[in-house]
């Protein structure tokens, strides 16, 4: 069963993880959400669902202002050259649609086939902000609580310093 935002909030409650969620117009890019998120504390994320030609799937959560050198990232993480994965694969694997991809979608990925990369600047932010499986809300979560959420999903993020990829 695919988890939706209400299920995610119930999971946070079950795990005793406090979150704050702001409702807003749907946003599909970092730029679209920049003004409305300016008043929300913490690191804001941009999330990329990618794969290489061998079929290795990677979810990247980076700080909204991080510069991503995707043509070099594959050398650091040991994949083939990465490209954006198709929307139907995103929906099948993470249970979200384009514009709503988020680290919280790892709760839907029970097969553990997706590598989770957390960009260093975002990893060092506290709190963190992600869409709660839909792009008309932003949920703020403490950094330690995010780690507890990840542990619940059986994940440990691979923290990568993207600034070294120049």
Protein backbone atom coordinates (compact mmCIF):
# COMPACT_ATOMS: atom_id res chain seq x y z
CA UNK A 1 0.00 0.00 0.00
CA UNK A 2 1.33 3.43 -0.94
CA UNK A 3 1.57 5.91 1.89
CA UNK A 4 -0.03 9.33 1.38
CA UNK A 5 0.50 12.53 3.36
CA UNK A 6 -2.07 11.64 6.05
CA UNK A 7 -0.36 8.28 6.51
CA UNK A 8 3.01 10.03 6.76
CA UNK A 9 1.69 12.36 9.46
CA UNK A 10 0.28 9.35 11.33
CA UNK A 11 3.71 7.71 11.10
CA UNK A 12 5.36 10.82 12.56
CA UNK A 13 2.85 10.72 15.41
CA UNK A 14 3.46 7.00 15.97
CA UNK A 15 7.23 7.64 16.08
CA UNK A 16 6.71 10.65 18.36
CA UNK A 17 8.35 12.93 15.80
CA UNK A 18 7.13 16.52 16.01
CA UNK A 19 6.71 18.28 12.67
CA UNK A 20 5.22 21.56 11.48
CA UNK A 21 3.47 21.62 8.12
CA UNK A 22 2.71 24.70 6.05
CA UNK A 23 0.08 24.61 3.31
CA UNK A 24 0.75 26.60 0.13
CA UNK A 25 0.07 26.67 -3.58
CA UNK A 26 1.63 23.72 -5.42
CA UNK A 27 5.29 24.27 -6.29
CA UNK A 28 7.19 22.28 -8.88
CA UNK A 29 10.60 23.95 -8.68
CA UNK A 30 12.82 25.53 -6.04
CA UNK A 31 12.32 28.92 -7.67
CA UNK A 32 8.52 28.67 -7.49
CA UNK A 33 8.68 28.06 -3.74
CA UNK A 34 11.49 30.45 -2.82
CA UNK A 35 9.32 33.39 -1.69
CA UNK A 36 6.80 31.38 0.30
CA UNK A 37 9.49 29.33 2.03
CA UNK A 38 11.59 32.36 2.98
CA UNK A 39 9.65 32.62 6.25
CA UNK A 40 10.13 28.92 7.11
CA UNK A 41 13.25 28.19 9.18
CA UNK A 42 15.91 25.65 8.27
CA UNK A 43 17.34 24.08 5.16
CA UNK A 44 15.00 23.72 2.22
CA UNK A 45 15.47 20.78 -0.09
CA UNK A 46 15.50 20.02 -3.76
CA UNK A 47 15.05 16.36 -4.51
CA UNK A 48 16.08 14.48 -7.62
CA UNK A 49 15.00 10.97 -8.60
CA UNK A 50 17.63 9.59 -10.96
CA UNK A 51 18.99 6.39 -12.45
CA UNK A 52 21.89 5.20 -14.52
CA UNK A 53 21.80 3.02 -17.66
CA UNK A 54 22.34 -0.11 -15.56
CA UNK A 55 19.09 0.68 -13.72
CA UNK A 56 20.64 1.79 -10.42
CA UNK A 57 18.19 4.25 -8.81
CA UNK A 58 19.31 7.20 -6.70
CA UNK A 59 17.30 9.72 -4.68
CA UNK A 60 19.27 12.90 -4.04
CA UNK A 61 18.17 15.41 -1.41
CA UNK A 62 20.21 18.60 -1.60
CA UNK A 63 19.98 22.05 -0.11
CA UNK A 64 17.79 24.22 -2.34
CA UNK A 65 20.77 26.48 -3.10
CA UNK A 66 23.26 23.68 -3.78
CA UNK A 67 24.83 23.57 -7.22
CA UNK A 68 24.59 20.03 -8.50
CA UNK A 69 27.21 18.90 -11.01
CA UNK A 70 25.30 15.84 -12.10
CA UNK A 71 27.78 15.13 -14.90
CA UNK A 72 30.43 14.50 -12.21
CA UNK A 73 28.40 13.04 -9.35
CA UNK A 74 28.39 9.52 -10.77
CA UNK A 75 32.18 9.32 -10.39
CA UNK A 76 31.94 10.08 -6.66
CA UNK A 77 29.08 7.70 -5.86
CA UNK A 78 30.13 4.86 -8.16
CA UNK A 79 27.25 4.76 -10.60
CA UNK A 80 27.04 5.19 -14.33
CA UNK A 81 26.13 8.64 -15.65
CA UNK A 82 22.86 9.67 -14.06
CA UNK A 83 19.75 10.97 -15.78
CA UNK A 84 16.30 11.81 -14.49
CA UNK A 85 14.19 8.69 -14.03
CA UNK A 86 10.79 8.59 -15.74
CA UNK A 87 7.67 9.70 -13.88
CA UNK A 88 6.07 6.25 -14.03
CA UNK A 89 9.09 4.73 -12.27
CA UNK A 90 8.94 7.46 -9.63
CA UNK A 91 5.28 6.70 -8.98
CA UNK A 92 5.90 2.93 -8.92
CA UNK A 93 8.94 3.05 -6.61
CA UNK A 94 8.34 6.09 -4.39
CA UNK A 95 4.57 6.54 -4.70
CA UNK A 96 4.85 10.23 -5.63
CA UNK A 97 4.43 12.30 -8.77
CA UNK A 98 6.91 14.75 -10.34
CA UNK A 99 7.12 17.91 -8.26
CA UNK A 100 6.43 15.94 -5.08
CA UNK A 101 9.59 13.84 -4.85
CA UNK A 102 10.92 13.93 -1.32
CA UNK A 103 13.10 12.04 1.13
CA UNK A 104 9.88 11.22 3.00
CA UNK A 105 8.92 9.00 0.04
CA UNK A 106 11.53 6.51 1.24
CA UNK A 107 8.76 5.28 3.54
CA UNK A 108 7.06 3.94 0.38
CA UNK A 109 10.20 2.26 -1.00
CA UNK A 110 10.22 -0.99 0.94
CA UNK A 111 12.43 -2.96 -1.48
CA UNK A 112 15.47 -0.84 -0.48
CA UNK A 113 16.59 -0.56 -4.13
CA UNK A 114 16.97 3.23 -4.01
CA UNK A 115 20.26 4.73 -2.82
CA UNK A 116 19.70 7.84 -0.73
CA UNK A 117 22.22 10.65 -1.16
CA UNK A 118 22.01 13.60 1.24
CA UNK A 119 23.98 16.67 0.21
CA UNK A 120 26.30 17.87 2.98
CA UNK A 121 24.89 21.41 3.33
CA UNK A 122 21.38 20.05 3.79
CA UNK A 123 22.67 17.33 6.14
CA UNK A 124 24.16 20.05 8.33
CA UNK A 125 20.90 22.06 8.43
CA UNK A 126 18.52 21.94 11.35
CA UNK A 127 15.60 21.84 10.88
CA UNK A 128 15.01 20.38 7.42
CA UNK A 129 12.10 21.04 5.04
CA UNK A 130 10.58 18.53 2.62
CA UNK A 131 7.28 18.09 0.81
CA UNK A 132 5.14 15.54 2.70
CA UNK A 133 4.52 13.36 -0.40
CA UNK A 134 2.68 16.22 -2.16
CA UNK A 135 3.84 19.60 -3.40
CA UNK A 136 1.19 21.86 -1.86
CA UNK A 137 2.69 21.54 1.63
CA UNK A 138 6.11 21.78 3.23
CA UNK A 139 6.92 19.89 6.42
CA UNK A 140 9.64 21.02 8.81
CA UNK A 141 11.40 18.31 10.81
CA UNK A 142 14.32 18.48 13.23
CA UNK A 143 17.58 16.98 11.98
CA UNK A 144 17.75 14.31 14.72
CA UNK A 145 14.09 13.44 14.09
CA UNK A 146 14.81 13.11 10.37
CA UNK A 147 17.51 10.57 11.24
CA UNK A 148 14.95 8.68 13.36
CA UNK A 149 12.55 8.70 10.41
CA UNK A 150 15.29 7.37 8.12
CA UNK A 151 16.19 4.67 10.64
CA UNK A 152 12.52 3.61 10.69
CA UNK A 153 12.70 3.18 6.90
CA UNK A 154 15.91 1.19 7.25
CA UNK A 155 18.03 3.93 5.69
CA UNK A 156 21.28 5.64 6.47
CA UNK A 157 21.98 8.57 4.13
CA UNK A 158 25.19 8.76 2.13
CA UNK A 159 26.32 12.33 2.84
CA UNK A 160 28.17 13.83 -0.12
CA UNK A 161 29.86 17.24 -0.32
CA UNK A 162 28.69 18.50 -3.71
CA UNK A 163 30.91 21.59 -3.49
CA UNK A 164 33.86 19.29 -4.22
CA UNK A 165 32.35 18.42 -7.61
CA UNK A 166 33.44 21.57 -9.44
